[in-house]
C-alpha atoms as a PDB file:
ATOM      1  CA  MET A   1      -0.182  -0.111  -0.040  1.00  0.00           C
ATOM      2  CA  LEU A   2       0.823   3.415  -0.343  1.00  0.00           C
ATOM      3  CA  VAL A   3      -0.053   6.742   0.729  1.00  0.00           C
ATOM      4  CA  LEU A   4       0.379  10.282   1.158  1.00  0.00           C
ATOM      5  CA  GLU A   5      -0.506  12.629   1.983  1.00  0.00           C
ATOM      6  CA  PRO A   6      -0.578  16.110   0.564  1.00  0.00           C
ATOM      7  CA  LEU A   7      -1.315  18.897   2.335  1.00  0.00           C
ATOM      8  CA  MET A   8      -1.983  15.845   5.830  1.00  0.00           C
ATOM      9  CA  LYS A   9      -4.599  13.997   3.521  1.00  0.00           C
ATOM     10  CA  LYS A  10      -4.326  10.903   3.159  1.00  0.00           C
ATOM     11  CA  ILE A  11      -4.835   8.756  -0.245  1.00  0.00           C
ATOM     12  CA  GLU A  12      -4.944   5.091   0.164  1.00  0.00           C
ATOM     13  CA  ILE A  13      -3.185   3.524  -2.948  1.00  0.00           C
ATOM     14  CA  ILE A  14      -4.020  -0.394  -3.358  1.00  0.00           C
ATOM     15  CA  VAL A  15      -0.926  -1.733  -4.511  1.00  0.00           C
ATOM     16  CA  GLU A  16      -1.662  -5.653  -6.669  1.00  0.00           C
ATOM     17  CA  LYS A  17       1.059  -7.283  -8.165  1.00  0.00           C
ATOM     18  CA  THR A  18      -0.207  -8.676 -11.857  1.00  0.00           C
ATOM     19  CA  LYS A  19       1.319 -10.747 -14.554  1.00  0.00           C
ATOM     20  CA  THR A  20       3.239  -8.181 -16.240  1.00  0.00           C
ATOM     21  CA  GLY A  21       4.551  -6.297 -13.352  1.00  0.00           C
ATOM     22  CA  TYR A  22       2.121  -3.521 -10.575  1.00  0.00           C
ATOM     23  CA  SER A  23      -0.825  -2.117 -10.473  1.00  0.00           C
ATOM     24  CA  ALA A  24      -2.147   0.689  -8.201  1.00  0.00           C
ATOM     25  CA  PHE A  25      -5.940   2.858  -7.187  1.00  0.00           C
ATOM     26  CA  ALA A  26      -6.413   4.344  -5.022  1.00  0.00           C
ATOM     27  CA  GLU A  27      -9.646   4.161  -2.928  1.00  0.00           C
ATOM     28  CA  LYS A  28     -11.285   7.605  -3.190  1.00  0.00           C
ATOM     29  CA  LEU A  29     -10.672   9.172  -6.026  1.00  0.00           C
ATOM     30  CA  PRO A  30     -10.838   7.857  -9.716  1.00  0.00           C
ATOM     31  CA  VAL A  31      -6.768   8.084  -9.535  1.00  0.00           C
ATOM     32  CA  TYR A  32      -5.788   4.107 -11.443  1.00  0.00           C
ATOM     33  CA  THR A  33      -1.590   3.492 -12.852  1.00  0.00           C
ATOM     34  CA  ILE A  34       0.060   0.227 -13.828  1.00  0.00           C
ATOM     35  CA  GLY A  35       4.218  -0.290 -14.309  1.00  0.00           C
ATOM     36  CA  ASN A  36       6.461  -3.326 -14.856  1.00  0.00           C
ATOM     37  CA  THR A  37       8.304  -2.414 -11.560  1.00  0.00           C
ATOM     38  CA  LEU A  38       7.640  -0.476  -8.188  1.00  0.00           C
ATOM     39  CA  GLU A  39       9.923   1.532  -8.537  1.00  0.00           C
ATOM     40  CA  GLU A  40       8.026   2.918 -11.598  1.00  0.00           C
ATOM     41  CA  LEU A  41       4.912   2.641 -10.376  1.00  0.00           C
ATOM     42  CA  LYS A  42       5.217   5.036  -7.579  1.00  0.00           C
ATOM     43  CA  THR A  43       6.182   7.705 -10.032  1.00  0.00           C
ATOM     44  CA  ASN A  44       3.617   6.370 -12.334  1.00  0.00           C
ATOM     45  CA  THR A  45       1.233   7.371  -8.701  1.00  0.00           C
ATOM     46  CA  ILE A  46       2.337  10.805  -8.652  1.00  0.00           C
ATOM     47  CA  GLU A  47       2.304  11.098 -11.520  1.00  0.00           C
ATOM     48  CA  ALA A  48      -1.349  10.322 -12.064  1.00  0.00           C
ATOM     49  CA  ILE A  49      -2.647  11.466  -8.396  1.00  0.00           C
ATOM     50  CA  ASN A  50      -1.241  14.955 -10.010  1.00  0.00           C
ATOM     51  CA  LEU A  51      -2.718  15.233 -12.929  1.00  0.00           C
ATOM     52  CA  TYR A  52      -6.493  14.648 -11.145  1.00  0.00           C
ATOM     53  CA  LEU A  53      -5.639  17.111  -8.244  1.00  0.00           C
ATOM     54  CA  GLU A  54      -5.231  19.649 -11.032  1.00  0.00           C
ATOM     55  CA  PHE A  55      -7.792  18.842 -12.926  1.00  0.00           C
ATOM     56  CA  ASN A  56      -9.814  19.215  -9.881  1.00  0.00           C
ATOM     57  CA  GLY A  57      -7.488  22.449  -9.460  1.00  0.00           C
ATOM     58  CA  SER A  58      -5.442  21.347  -5.802  1.00  0.00           C
ATOM     59  CA  ALA A  59      -1.938  20.732  -4.958  1.00  0.00           C
ATOM     60  CA  ARG A  60       0.843  18.772  -6.524  1.00  0.00           C
ATOM     61  CA  ILE A  61       2.072  15.661  -4.657  1.00  0.00           C
ATOM     62  CA  ILE A  62       5.342  15.443  -3.841  1.00  0.00           C
ATOM     63  CA  GLU A  63       7.735  13.149  -3.935  1.00  0.00           C
ATOM     64  CA  ARG A  64       8.728  13.333  -0.168  1.00  0.00           C
ATOM     65  CA  ALA A  65       4.996  12.874   0.792  1.00  0.00           C
ATOM     66  CA  LEU A  66       5.169   9.625  -1.011  1.00  0.00           C
ATOM     67  CA  LYS A  67       5.266   6.536   2.184  1.00  0.00           C
ATOM     68  CA  ILE A  68       5.194   3.431   1.526  1.00  0.00           C
ATOM     69  CA  MET A  69       3.065   1.004   4.099  1.00  0.00           C
ATOM     70  CA  PRO A  70       3.071  -2.403   4.745  1.00  0.00           C
ATOM     71  CA  ALA A  71      -0.575  -4.174   3.266  1.00  0.00           C
ATOM     72  CA  ARG A  72      -2.704  -4.181   6.548  1.00  0.00           C
END
């Protein structure tokens, strides 16, 4: 699970292993992405959420706000 904390809000991202790499989706946002590696998935997740937030007039997430948490 990835947890993004922009401006003290948490956005939980569910990460799943796939046959070709990884997929991720936000539980409370219409954001989905994929990556061949976890590092690529992390980059793609930040980019996807930033695109969504920019489209809706919100602040951008910066990479240091990303925390990787163990799955519950």
